[in-house]
Amino acid sequence: MSQETSISEVAKRYAKATYELANTDGIASQVSDDLISLKDLIINNKSLLNLISSPTFTSQEQSAVFDGIFKKQKISKIVQNLINVLIRNRRVNTLISVANAFELIMKENSGEILAEVTAVSELSKDQLNQIKDNLKKLTGKEVQLETNIEPNILGGIKVKIGSQMIDASVSTKLNNLKILMKGAN
């Protein structure tokens, strides 16, 4: 599953607001680095992951732990405020998604987009380059590909960019043909 499809709308809103503040202050890159390092810290530490995931911890307990992290690492004030707002609103469990959404916003604003390509088997380097070049012509932006293998599409590819889907899979074509044949009876 792509990074983008796993991001909730709530996380996107927090990330967008954080990006706007950071961009206004000219520190979007630093905020991005801070969020990436916090995300990595949480993913690699089961206790921290449990702290943000479990509703059994109080806001005070979560704040105390993050205050300790803020003192040990040089985390920007914007990220500190974001985490404090997430804790206060009982949404700290979305922190990893917010960090992922922030990364996507940074890429979009740098003229880069993420495309999720699904094929029946591993694509060759030449095929990936051809897809990348065609998508660049289509969108006018640099494209980063994320590939998935899904044997049940039978052949062809599916490409997802944001909310747009290009489905050139054999399974979809067969399904469409089946629908047309049923309509002809």
N, C-alpha and C. Protein backbone atom coordinates (compact mmCIF):
# COMPACT_ATOMS: atom_id res chain seq x y z
N MET A 1 0.85 -1.18 0.00
CA MET A 1 0.00 0.00 0.00
C MET A 1 0.89 1.23 0.00
N SER A 2 0.54 2.20 -0.78
CA SER A 2 1.39 3.39 -0.85
C SER A 2 1.26 4.23 0.41
N GLN A 3 2.27 5.03 0.55
CA GLN A 3 2.30 5.92 1.71
C GLN A 3 1.09 6.85 1.67
N GLU A 4 0.77 7.36 0.50
CA GLU A 4 -0.29 8.34 0.39
C GLU A 4 -1.67 7.77 0.71
N THR A 5 -1.94 6.54 0.27
CA THR A 5 -3.26 5.98 0.50
C THR A 5 -3.51 5.64 1.96
N SER A 6 -2.45 5.57 2.75
CA SER A 6 -2.63 5.22 4.15
C SER A 6 -2.70 6.45 5.07
N ILE A 7 -2.77 7.62 4.50
CA ILE A 7 -2.79 8.86 5.29
C ILE A 7 -4.22 9.36 5.42
N SER A 8 -4.65 9.55 6.67
CA SER A 8 -6.02 10.01 6.91
C SER A 8 -6.15 11.50 6.57
N GLU A 9 -7.39 11.90 6.37
CA GLU A 9 -7.67 13.32 6.08
C GLU A 9 -7.28 14.20 7.26
N VAL A 10 -7.47 13.70 8.47
CA VAL A 10 -7.09 14.45 9.67
C VAL A 10 -5.59 14.73 9.65
N ALA A 11 -4.80 13.69 9.36
CA ALA A 11 -3.35 13.84 9.32
C ALA A 11 -2.94 14.83 8.22
N LYS A 12 -3.63 14.78 7.09
CA LYS A 12 -3.32 15.71 5.99
C LYS A 12 -3.58 17.15 6.41
N ARG A 13 -4.66 17.37 7.17
CA ARG A 13 -4.98 18.74 7.61
C ARG A 13 -3.93 19.27 8.58
N TYR A 14 -3.51 18.43 9.54
CA TYR A 14 -2.46 18.84 10.48
C TYR A 14 -1.15 19.10 9.73
N ALA A 15 -0.82 18.24 8.77
CA ALA A 15 0.42 18.40 8.01
C ALA A 15 0.38 19.68 7.18
N LYS A 16 -0.76 19.96 6.57
CA LYS A 16 -0.89 21.16 5.74
C LYS A 16 -0.74 22.42 6.58
N ALA A 17 -1.38 22.45 7.73
CA ALA A 17 -1.27 23.61 8.62
C ALA A 17 0.17 23.78 9.10
N THR A 18 0.81 22.67 9.44
CA THR A 18 2.20 22.73 9.89
C THR A 18 3.10 23.21 8.77
N TYR A 19 2.86 22.71 7.55
CA TYR A 19 3.67 23.14 6.41
C TYR A 19 3.52 24.64 6.16
N GLU A 20 2.30 25.13 6.23
CA GLU A 20 2.07 26.55 5.98
C GLU A 20 2.81 27.42 7.00
N LEU A 21 2.77 27.01 8.27
CA LEU A 21 3.51 27.75 9.31
C LEU A 21 5.02 27.68 9.06
N ALA A 22 5.51 26.48 8.78
CA ALA A 22 6.95 26.28 8.58
C ALA A 22 7.43 27.01 7.33
N ASN A 23 6.64 26.97 6.28
CA ASN A 23 7.02 27.64 5.03
C ASN A 23 7.04 29.15 5.21
N THR A 24 6.08 29.67 5.96
CA THR A 24 6.03 31.11 6.24
C THR A 24 7.28 31.55 7.00
N ASP A 25 7.73 30.70 7.93
CA ASP A 25 8.94 31.01 8.72
C ASP A 25 10.22 30.62 7.99
N GLY A 26 10.09 30.00 6.83
CA GLY A 26 11.27 29.60 6.05
C GLY A 26 12.02 28.41 6.63
N ILE A 27 11.33 27.57 7.40
CA ILE A 27 12.01 26.43 8.03
C ILE A 27 11.33 25.09 7.69
N ALA A 28 10.68 25.03 6.54
CA ALA A 28 9.97 23.80 6.16
C ALA A 28 10.91 22.61 6.10
N SER A 29 12.11 22.82 5.60
CA SER A 29 13.08 21.72 5.49
C SER A 29 13.49 21.21 6.88
N GLN A 30 13.71 22.14 7.81
CA GLN A 30 14.07 21.75 9.18
C GLN A 30 12.92 21.00 9.85
N VAL A 31 11.71 21.48 9.66
CA VAL A 31 10.53 20.82 10.23
C VAL A 31 10.38 19.42 9.64
N SER A 32 10.62 19.30 8.34
CA SER A 32 10.57 17.99 7.70
C SER A 32 11.60 17.03 8.32
N ASP A 33 12.82 17.53 8.51
CA ASP A 33 13.87 16.71 9.13
C ASP A 33 13.48 16.29 10.55
N ASP A 34 12.91 17.24 11.30
CA ASP A 34 12.48 16.94 12.67
C ASP A 34 11.40 15.86 12.69
N LEU A 35 10.42 15.99 11.79
CA LEU A 35 9.33 15.02 11.74
C LEU A 35 9.83 13.64 11.31
N ILE A 36 10.76 13.62 10.37
CA ILE A 36 11.33 12.34 9.92
C ILE A 36 12.10 11.68 11.06
N SER A 37 12.90 12.46 11.79
CA SER A 37 13.68 11.87 12.89
C SER A 37 12.76 11.39 14.02
N LEU A 38 11.70 12.14 14.31
CA LEU A 38 10.74 11.70 15.33
C LEU A 38 10.00 10.44 14.88
N LYS A 39 9.60 10.41 13.62
CA LYS A 39 8.92 9.24 13.08
C LYS A 39 9.82 8.01 13.19
N ASP A 40 11.08 8.15 12.79
CA ASP A 40 12.02 7.04 12.88
C ASP A 40 12.22 6.59 14.33
N LEU A 41 12.32 7.58 15.22
CA LEU A 41 12.49 7.27 16.64
C LEU A 41 11.30 6.46 17.17
N ILE A 42 10.10 6.87 16.80
CA ILE A 42 8.88 6.19 17.26
C ILE A 42 8.78 4.79 16.66
N ILE A 43 9.03 4.68 15.36
CA ILE A 43 8.93 3.38 14.69
C ILE A 43 9.92 2.38 15.27
N ASN A 44 11.10 2.85 15.65
CA ASN A 44 12.15 1.97 16.15
C ASN A 44 12.11 1.76 17.66
N ASN A 45 11.13 2.36 18.34
CA ASN A 45 11.04 2.23 19.79
C ASN A 45 9.62 1.78 20.16
N LYS A 46 9.49 0.52 20.54
CA LYS A 46 8.15 -0.03 20.82
C LYS A 46 7.45 0.69 21.95
N SER A 47 8.20 1.17 22.93
CA SER A 47 7.59 1.89 24.05
C SER A 47 6.97 3.20 23.57
N LEU A 48 7.69 3.91 22.70
CA LEU A 48 7.14 5.17 22.16
C LEU A 48 5.94 4.89 21.25
N LEU A 49 6.05 3.85 20.45
CA LEU A 49 4.93 3.49 19.57
C LEU A 49 3.70 3.16 20.41
N ASN A 50 3.90 2.45 21.49
CA ASN A 50 2.80 2.13 22.40
C ASN A 50 2.25 3.40 23.06
N LEU A 51 3.15 4.31 23.42
CA LEU A 51 2.74 5.56 24.07
C LEU A 51 1.78 6.36 23.19
N ILE A 52 2.08 6.43 21.88
CA ILE A 52 1.21 7.23 21.02
C ILE A 52 -0.01 6.44 20.53
N SER A 53 0.08 5.11 20.56
CA SER A 53 -1.01 4.28 20.04
C SER A 53 -2.06 3.92 21.08
N SER A 54 -1.63 3.78 22.32
CA SER A 54 -2.53 3.29 23.36
C SER A 54 -3.31 4.42 24.03
N PRO A 55 -4.62 4.28 24.12
CA PRO A 55 -5.43 5.30 24.80
C PRO A 55 -5.31 5.24 26.32
N THR A 56 -4.56 4.27 26.84
CA THR A 56 -4.44 4.14 28.29
C THR A 56 -3.50 5.20 28.89
N PHE A 57 -2.65 5.80 28.06
CA PHE A 57 -1.76 6.84 28.56
C PHE A 57 -2.48 8.18 28.59
N THR A 58 -2.27 8.92 29.65
CA THR A 58 -2.90 10.24 29.76
C THR A 58 -2.14 11.26 28.93
N SER A 59 -2.77 12.38 28.68
CA SER A 59 -2.11 13.47 27.96
C SER A 59 -0.89 13.95 28.71
N GLN A 60 -0.98 13.98 30.05
CA GLN A 60 0.15 14.42 30.86
C GLN A 60 1.35 13.48 30.70
N GLU A 61 1.08 12.18 30.68
CA GLU A 61 2.16 11.21 30.51
C GLU A 61 2.80 11.35 29.12
N GLN A 62 1.97 11.51 28.11
CA GLN A 62 2.50 11.68 26.75
C GLN A 62 3.31 12.97 26.65
N SER A 63 2.80 14.05 27.22
CA SER A 63 3.51 15.34 27.19
C SER A 63 4.85 15.24 27.90
N ALA A 64 4.88 14.56 29.04
CA ALA A 64 6.13 14.43 29.81
C ALA A 64 7.20 13.69 28.99
N VAL A 65 6.79 12.62 28.32
CA VAL A 65 7.75 11.86 27.51
C VAL A 65 8.26 12.72 26.35
N PHE A 66 7.35 13.39 25.65
CA PHE A 66 7.78 14.21 24.51
C PHE A 66 8.60 15.42 24.96
N ASP A 67 8.29 15.99 26.13
CA ASP A 67 9.12 17.08 26.65
C ASP A 67 10.55 16.61 26.86
N GLY A 68 10.71 15.38 27.35
CA GLY A 68 12.04 14.80 27.52
C GLY A 68 12.76 14.64 26.19
N ILE A 69 12.01 14.22 25.17
CA ILE A 69 12.60 14.08 23.83
C ILE A 69 13.00 15.45 23.29
N PHE A 70 12.15 16.45 23.50
CA PHE A 70 12.45 17.80 23.01
C PHE A 70 13.73 18.34 23.65
N LYS A 71 13.96 18.02 24.92
CA LYS A 71 15.15 18.51 25.61
C LYS A 71 16.42 17.83 25.10
N LYS A 72 16.30 16.53 24.72
CA LYS A 72 17.47 15.79 24.26
C LYS A 72 17.79 16.07 22.79
N GLN A 73 16.78 16.32 21.99
CA GLN A 73 16.98 16.61 20.58
C GLN A 73 16.58 18.05 20.32
N LYS A 74 17.21 18.65 19.34
CA LYS A 74 16.87 20.02 18.98
C LYS A 74 15.70 20.00 17.99
N ILE A 75 14.51 19.93 18.55
CA ILE A 75 13.28 19.88 17.75
C ILE A 75 12.73 21.30 17.63
N SER A 76 12.36 21.68 16.41
CA SER A 76 11.84 23.04 16.17
C SER A 76 10.58 23.30 16.99
N LYS A 77 10.37 24.55 17.29
CA LYS A 77 9.21 24.97 18.09
C LYS A 77 7.90 24.60 17.39
N ILE A 78 7.89 24.68 16.06
CA ILE A 78 6.67 24.33 15.31
C ILE A 78 6.32 22.87 15.52
N VAL A 79 7.31 21.98 15.49
CA VAL A 79 7.05 20.55 15.69
C VAL A 79 6.64 20.30 17.14
N GLN A 80 7.28 20.98 18.07
CA GLN A 80 6.88 20.84 19.47
C GLN A 80 5.42 21.25 19.65
N ASN A 81 5.05 22.38 19.05
CA ASN A 81 3.67 22.85 19.15
C ASN A 81 2.70 21.87 18.48
N LEU A 82 3.10 21.33 17.33
CA LEU A 82 2.26 20.35 16.64
C LEU A 82 1.99 19.15 17.55
N ILE A 83 3.04 18.61 18.13
CA ILE A 83 2.88 17.43 18.99
C ILE A 83 2.03 17.76 20.20
N ASN A 84 2.23 18.93 20.79
CA ASN A 84 1.42 19.33 21.94
C ASN A 84 -0.06 19.47 21.56
N VAL A 85 -0.33 19.99 20.36
CA VAL A 85 -1.73 20.09 19.90
C VAL A 85 -2.30 18.70 19.66
N LEU A 86 -1.50 17.83 19.04
CA LEU A 86 -1.98 16.45 18.82
C LEU A 86 -2.29 15.76 20.15
N ILE A 87 -1.43 15.96 21.13
CA ILE A 87 -1.67 15.34 22.45
C ILE A 87 -2.93 15.94 23.09
N ARG A 88 -3.03 17.25 23.06
CA ARG A 88 -4.18 17.92 23.68
C ARG A 88 -5.50 17.49 23.01
N ASN A 89 -5.47 17.27 21.69
CA ASN A 89 -6.67 16.88 20.96
C ASN A 89 -6.87 15.36 20.91
N ARG A 90 -6.02 14.63 21.64
CA ARG A 90 -6.06 13.17 21.70
C ARG A 90 -5.89 12.55 20.30
N ARG A 91 -5.00 13.14 19.51
CA ARG A 91 -4.74 12.65 18.16
C ARG A 91 -3.26 12.36 17.94
N VAL A 92 -2.52 12.17 19.01
CA VAL A 92 -1.09 11.91 18.88
C VAL A 92 -0.85 10.59 18.14
N ASN A 93 -1.85 9.73 18.11
CA ASN A 93 -1.73 8.47 17.37
C ASN A 93 -1.61 8.69 15.86
N THR A 94 -1.88 9.89 15.39
CA THR A 94 -1.76 10.21 13.96
C THR A 94 -0.40 10.80 13.61
N LEU A 95 0.50 10.89 14.59
CA LEU A 95 1.79 11.57 14.37
C LEU A 95 2.57 11.00 13.20
N ILE A 96 2.65 9.69 13.07
CA ILE A 96 3.40 9.09 11.96
C ILE A 96 2.74 9.45 10.62
N SER A 97 1.42 9.41 10.57
CA SER A 97 0.69 9.79 9.35
C SER A 97 0.88 11.26 9.03
N VAL A 98 0.91 12.10 10.06
CA VAL A 98 1.15 13.53 9.85
C VAL A 98 2.55 13.73 9.25
N ALA A 99 3.54 13.01 9.78
CA ALA A 99 4.90 13.11 9.24
C ALA A 99 4.95 12.65 7.79
N ASN A 100 4.25 11.55 7.47
CA ASN A 100 4.19 11.07 6.08
C ASN A 100 3.51 12.08 5.17
N ALA A 101 2.42 12.67 5.64
CA ALA A 101 1.70 13.67 4.85
C ALA A 101 2.58 14.91 4.63
N PHE A 102 3.33 15.29 5.65
CA PHE A 102 4.22 16.44 5.54
C PHE A 102 5.29 16.17 4.46
N GLU A 103 5.84 14.95 4.45
CA GLU A 103 6.83 14.59 3.43
C GLU A 103 6.23 14.70 2.03
N LEU A 104 4.99 14.24 1.87
CA LEU A 104 4.34 14.33 0.56
C LEU A 104 4.12 15.79 0.14
N ILE A 105 3.73 16.62 1.08
CA ILE A 105 3.54 18.04 0.79
C ILE A 105 4.87 18.67 0.36
N MET A 106 5.94 18.31 1.06
CA MET A 106 7.26 18.83 0.70
C MET A 106 7.62 18.42 -0.74
N LYS A 107 7.36 17.16 -1.09
CA LYS A 107 7.67 16.68 -2.44
C LYS A 107 6.82 17.40 -3.49
N GLU A 108 5.53 17.55 -3.20
CA GLU A 108 4.63 18.23 -4.13
C GLU A 108 5.08 19.67 -4.37
N ASN A 109 5.49 20.33 -3.31
CA ASN A 109 5.90 21.73 -3.45
C ASN A 109 7.28 21.89 -4.05
N SER A 110 8.03 20.79 -4.14
CA SER A 110 9.33 20.85 -4.81
C SER A 110 9.18 20.41 -6.27
N GLY A 111 7.94 20.17 -6.71
CA GLY A 111 7.69 19.77 -8.08
C GLY A 111 7.82 18.28 -8.30
N GLU A 112 7.78 17.50 -7.24
CA GLU A 112 7.90 16.04 -7.35
C GLU A 112 6.60 15.41 -6.88
N ILE A 113 6.17 14.36 -7.59
CA ILE A 113 4.96 13.64 -7.19
C ILE A 113 5.27 12.15 -7.04
N LEU A 114 4.41 11.47 -6.31
CA LEU A 114 4.56 10.04 -6.09
C LEU A 114 3.50 9.32 -6.91
N ALA A 115 3.94 8.33 -7.68
CA ALA A 115 3.03 7.50 -8.46
C ALA A 115 3.17 6.06 -8.00
N GLU A 116 2.05 5.43 -7.74
CA GLU A 116 2.03 4.03 -7.33
C GLU A 116 1.72 3.19 -8.56
N VAL A 117 2.67 2.33 -8.94
CA VAL A 117 2.53 1.49 -10.12
C VAL A 117 2.35 0.04 -9.67
N THR A 118 1.27 -0.58 -10.13
CA THR A 118 0.98 -1.97 -9.78
C THR A 118 1.05 -2.80 -11.05
N ALA A 119 1.82 -3.89 -10.99
CA ALA A 119 1.98 -4.78 -12.14
C ALA A 119 1.86 -6.23 -11.67
N VAL A 120 1.72 -7.14 -12.62
CA VAL A 120 1.58 -8.55 -12.30
C VAL A 120 2.90 -9.15 -11.84
N SER A 121 4.02 -8.60 -12.30
CA SER A 121 5.35 -9.07 -11.89
C SER A 121 6.31 -7.88 -11.85
N GLU A 122 7.51 -8.15 -11.40
CA GLU A 122 8.53 -7.10 -11.28
C GLU A 122 8.78 -6.47 -12.65
N LEU A 123 8.79 -5.14 -12.71
CA LEU A 123 9.05 -4.42 -13.95
C LEU A 123 10.55 -4.20 -14.12
N SER A 124 10.99 -4.22 -15.37
CA SER A 124 12.41 -3.98 -15.65
C SER A 124 12.73 -2.50 -15.47
N LYS A 125 14.01 -2.21 -15.39
CA LYS A 125 14.46 -0.83 -15.24
C LYS A 125 14.02 0.01 -16.44
N ASP A 126 14.08 -0.56 -17.64
CA ASP A 126 13.65 0.15 -18.85
C ASP A 126 12.16 0.45 -18.81
N GLN A 127 11.36 -0.53 -18.37
CA GLN A 127 9.92 -0.31 -18.27
C GLN A 127 9.61 0.78 -17.25
N LEU A 128 10.28 0.76 -16.11
CA LEU A 128 10.06 1.78 -15.08
C LEU A 128 10.45 3.16 -15.60
N ASN A 129 11.57 3.24 -16.31
CA ASN A 129 12.00 4.53 -16.88
C ASN A 129 11.00 5.04 -17.90
N GLN A 130 10.46 4.13 -18.72
CA GLN A 130 9.47 4.54 -19.72
C GLN A 130 8.20 5.06 -19.04
N ILE A 131 7.75 4.36 -18.00
CA ILE A 131 6.56 4.80 -17.25
C ILE A 131 6.83 6.16 -16.62
N LYS A 132 8.00 6.29 -16.01
CA LYS A 132 8.38 7.55 -15.36
C LYS A 132 8.40 8.71 -16.36
N ASP A 133 9.00 8.48 -17.55
CA ASP A 133 9.06 9.52 -18.57
C ASP A 133 7.67 9.90 -19.06
N ASN A 134 6.80 8.90 -19.29
CA ASN A 134 5.44 9.20 -19.74
C ASN A 134 4.64 9.97 -18.69
N LEU A 135 4.81 9.59 -17.42
CA LEU A 135 4.10 10.30 -16.35
C LEU A 135 4.63 11.72 -16.19
N LYS A 136 5.93 11.89 -16.40
CA LYS A 136 6.52 13.24 -16.32
C LYS A 136 5.93 14.13 -17.41
N LYS A 137 5.77 13.58 -18.63
CA LYS A 137 5.17 14.33 -19.73
C LYS A 137 3.71 14.66 -19.42
N LEU A 138 3.01 13.69 -18.83
CA LEU A 138 1.60 13.85 -18.51
C LEU A 138 1.37 14.91 -17.42
N THR A 139 2.22 14.88 -16.38
CA THR A 139 2.00 15.76 -15.23
C THR A 139 2.84 17.03 -15.25
N GLY A 140 3.94 17.00 -15.98
CA GLY A 140 4.85 18.15 -15.99
C GLY A 140 5.69 18.24 -14.72
N LYS A 141 5.74 17.17 -13.95
CA LYS A 141 6.50 17.16 -12.69
C LYS A 141 7.43 15.96 -12.64
N GLU A 142 8.44 16.05 -11.79
CA GLU A 142 9.30 14.91 -11.54
C GLU A 142 8.46 13.84 -10.84
N VAL A 143 8.67 12.59 -11.20
CA VAL A 143 7.86 11.51 -10.66
C VAL A 143 8.74 10.51 -9.92
N GLN A 144 8.31 10.17 -8.72
CA GLN A 144 8.94 9.11 -7.95
C GLN A 144 7.99 7.92 -7.98
N LEU A 145 8.50 6.76 -8.37
CA LEU A 145 7.66 5.58 -8.50
C LEU A 145 7.74 4.68 -7.28
N GLU A 146 6.59 4.17 -6.89
CA GLU A 146 6.51 3.13 -5.87
C GLU A 146 5.84 1.95 -6.56
N THR A 147 6.51 0.81 -6.59
CA THR A 147 5.97 -0.32 -7.32
C THR A 147 5.39 -1.38 -6.38
N ASN A 148 4.32 -1.99 -6.85
CA ASN A 148 3.66 -3.08 -6.13
C ASN A 148 3.44 -4.23 -7.11
N ILE A 149 3.47 -5.44 -6.60
CA ILE A 149 3.18 -6.61 -7.43
C ILE A 149 1.85 -7.19 -6.97
N GLU A 150 0.95 -7.37 -7.95
CA GLU A 150 -0.38 -7.89 -7.68
C GLU A 150 -0.75 -8.89 -8.78
N PRO A 151 -0.49 -10.19 -8.55
CA PRO A 151 -0.72 -11.20 -9.59
C PRO A 151 -2.15 -11.26 -10.13
N ASN A 152 -3.14 -10.87 -9.34
CA ASN A 152 -4.52 -11.01 -9.79
C ASN A 152 -4.95 -9.97 -10.84
N ILE A 153 -4.07 -9.05 -11.23
CA ILE A 153 -4.44 -8.13 -12.32
C ILE A 153 -4.18 -8.79 -13.68
N LEU A 154 -3.54 -9.96 -13.68
CA LEU A 154 -3.31 -10.81 -14.85
C LEU A 154 -2.28 -10.26 -15.84
N GLY A 155 -2.24 -8.99 -16.06
CA GLY A 155 -1.31 -8.36 -16.99
C GLY A 155 -1.58 -6.88 -17.04
N GLY A 156 -0.74 -6.14 -17.76
CA GLY A 156 -0.91 -4.69 -17.83
C GLY A 156 -0.44 -4.04 -16.54
N ILE A 157 -0.85 -2.79 -16.34
CA ILE A 157 -0.47 -2.07 -15.12
C ILE A 157 -1.61 -1.18 -14.65
N LYS A 158 -1.51 -0.80 -13.39
CA LYS A 158 -2.37 0.23 -12.81
C LYS A 158 -1.43 1.30 -12.29
N VAL A 159 -1.78 2.56 -12.52
CA VAL A 159 -0.98 3.68 -12.03
C VAL A 159 -1.89 4.59 -11.23
N LYS A 160 -1.47 4.91 -10.01
CA LYS A 160 -2.25 5.81 -9.15
C LYS A 160 -1.39 7.00 -8.78
N ILE A 161 -1.90 8.18 -9.11
CA ILE A 161 -1.24 9.43 -8.74
C ILE A 161 -2.26 10.24 -7.96
N GLY A 162 -2.01 10.40 -6.68
CA GLY A 162 -2.99 11.10 -5.84
C GLY A 162 -4.30 10.35 -5.87
N SER A 163 -5.37 11.02 -6.27
CA SER A 163 -6.68 10.37 -6.31
C SER A 163 -7.02 9.88 -7.71
N GLN A 164 -6.12 10.07 -8.68
CA GLN A 164 -6.36 9.63 -10.05
C GLN A 164 -5.81 8.23 -10.27
N MET A 165 -6.59 7.41 -10.99
CA MET A 165 -6.18 6.03 -11.28
C MET A 165 -6.23 5.80 -12.78
N ILE A 166 -5.14 5.27 -13.33
CA ILE A 166 -5.10 4.83 -14.71
C ILE A 166 -5.02 3.31 -14.63
N ASP A 167 -6.09 2.65 -15.09
CA ASP A 167 -6.16 1.19 -14.96
C ASP A 167 -6.08 0.56 -16.34
N ALA A 168 -4.92 0.05 -16.69
CA ALA A 168 -4.71 -0.64 -17.96
C ALA A 168 -4.42 -2.12 -17.70
N SER A 169 -5.09 -2.67 -16.70
CA SER A 169 -4.85 -4.07 -16.33
C SER A 169 -5.75 -4.98 -17.15
N VAL A 170 -5.28 -6.17 -17.40
CA VAL A 170 -6.04 -7.17 -18.15
C VAL A 170 -7.30 -7.56 -17.38
N SER A 171 -7.20 -7.68 -16.06
CA SER A 171 -8.37 -8.08 -15.26
C SER A 171 -9.51 -7.07 -15.41
N THR A 172 -9.19 -5.79 -15.44
CA THR A 172 -10.23 -4.77 -15.61
C THR A 172 -10.83 -4.83 -17.01
N LYS A 173 -9.96 -5.03 -18.01
CA LYS A 173 -10.46 -5.12 -19.39
C LYS A 173 -11.39 -6.33 -19.55
N LEU A 174 -11.01 -7.46 -18.95
CA LEU A 174 -11.86 -8.65 -19.00
C LEU A 174 -13.18 -8.42 -18.26
N ASN A 175 -13.10 -7.74 -17.13
CA ASN A 175 -14.30 -7.44 -16.35
C ASN A 175 -15.24 -6.52 -17.15
N ASN A 176 -14.67 -5.52 -17.82
CA ASN A 176 -15.48 -4.61 -18.65
C ASN A 176 -16.13 -5.37 -19.81
N LEU A 177 -15.36 -6.30 -20.40
CA LEU A 177 -15.89 -7.11 -21.49
C LEU A 177 -17.04 -8.00 -21.00
N LYS A 178 -16.88 -8.55 -19.81
CA LYS A 178 -17.92 -9.39 -19.19
C LYS A 178 -19.20 -8.58 -18.99
N ILE A 179 -19.06 -7.35 -18.53
CA ILE A 179 -20.22 -6.47 -18.30
C ILE A 179 -20.91 -6.17 -19.63
N LEU A 180 -20.11 -5.91 -20.68
CA LEU A 180 -20.68 -5.63 -22.01
C LEU A 180 -21.41 -6.85 -22.55
N MET A 181 -20.84 -8.04 -22.34
CA MET A 181 -21.48 -9.26 -22.83
C MET A 181 -22.79 -9.52 -22.11
N LYS A 182 -22.85 -9.25 -20.83
CA LYS A 182 -24.10 -9.44 -20.07
C LYS A 182 -25.16 -8.48 -20.58
N GLY A 183 -24.74 -7.25 -20.94
CA GLY A 183 -25.67 -6.24 -21.43
C GLY A 183 -26.22 -6.58 -22.80
N ALA A 184 -25.47 -7.36 -23.59
CA ALA A 184 -25.87 -7.71 -24.94
C ALA A 184 -26.95 -8.79 -24.93
N ASN A 185 -27.08 -9.54 -23.87
CA ASN A 185 -28.07 -10.65 -23.81
C ASN A 185 -29.43 -10.11 -23.63
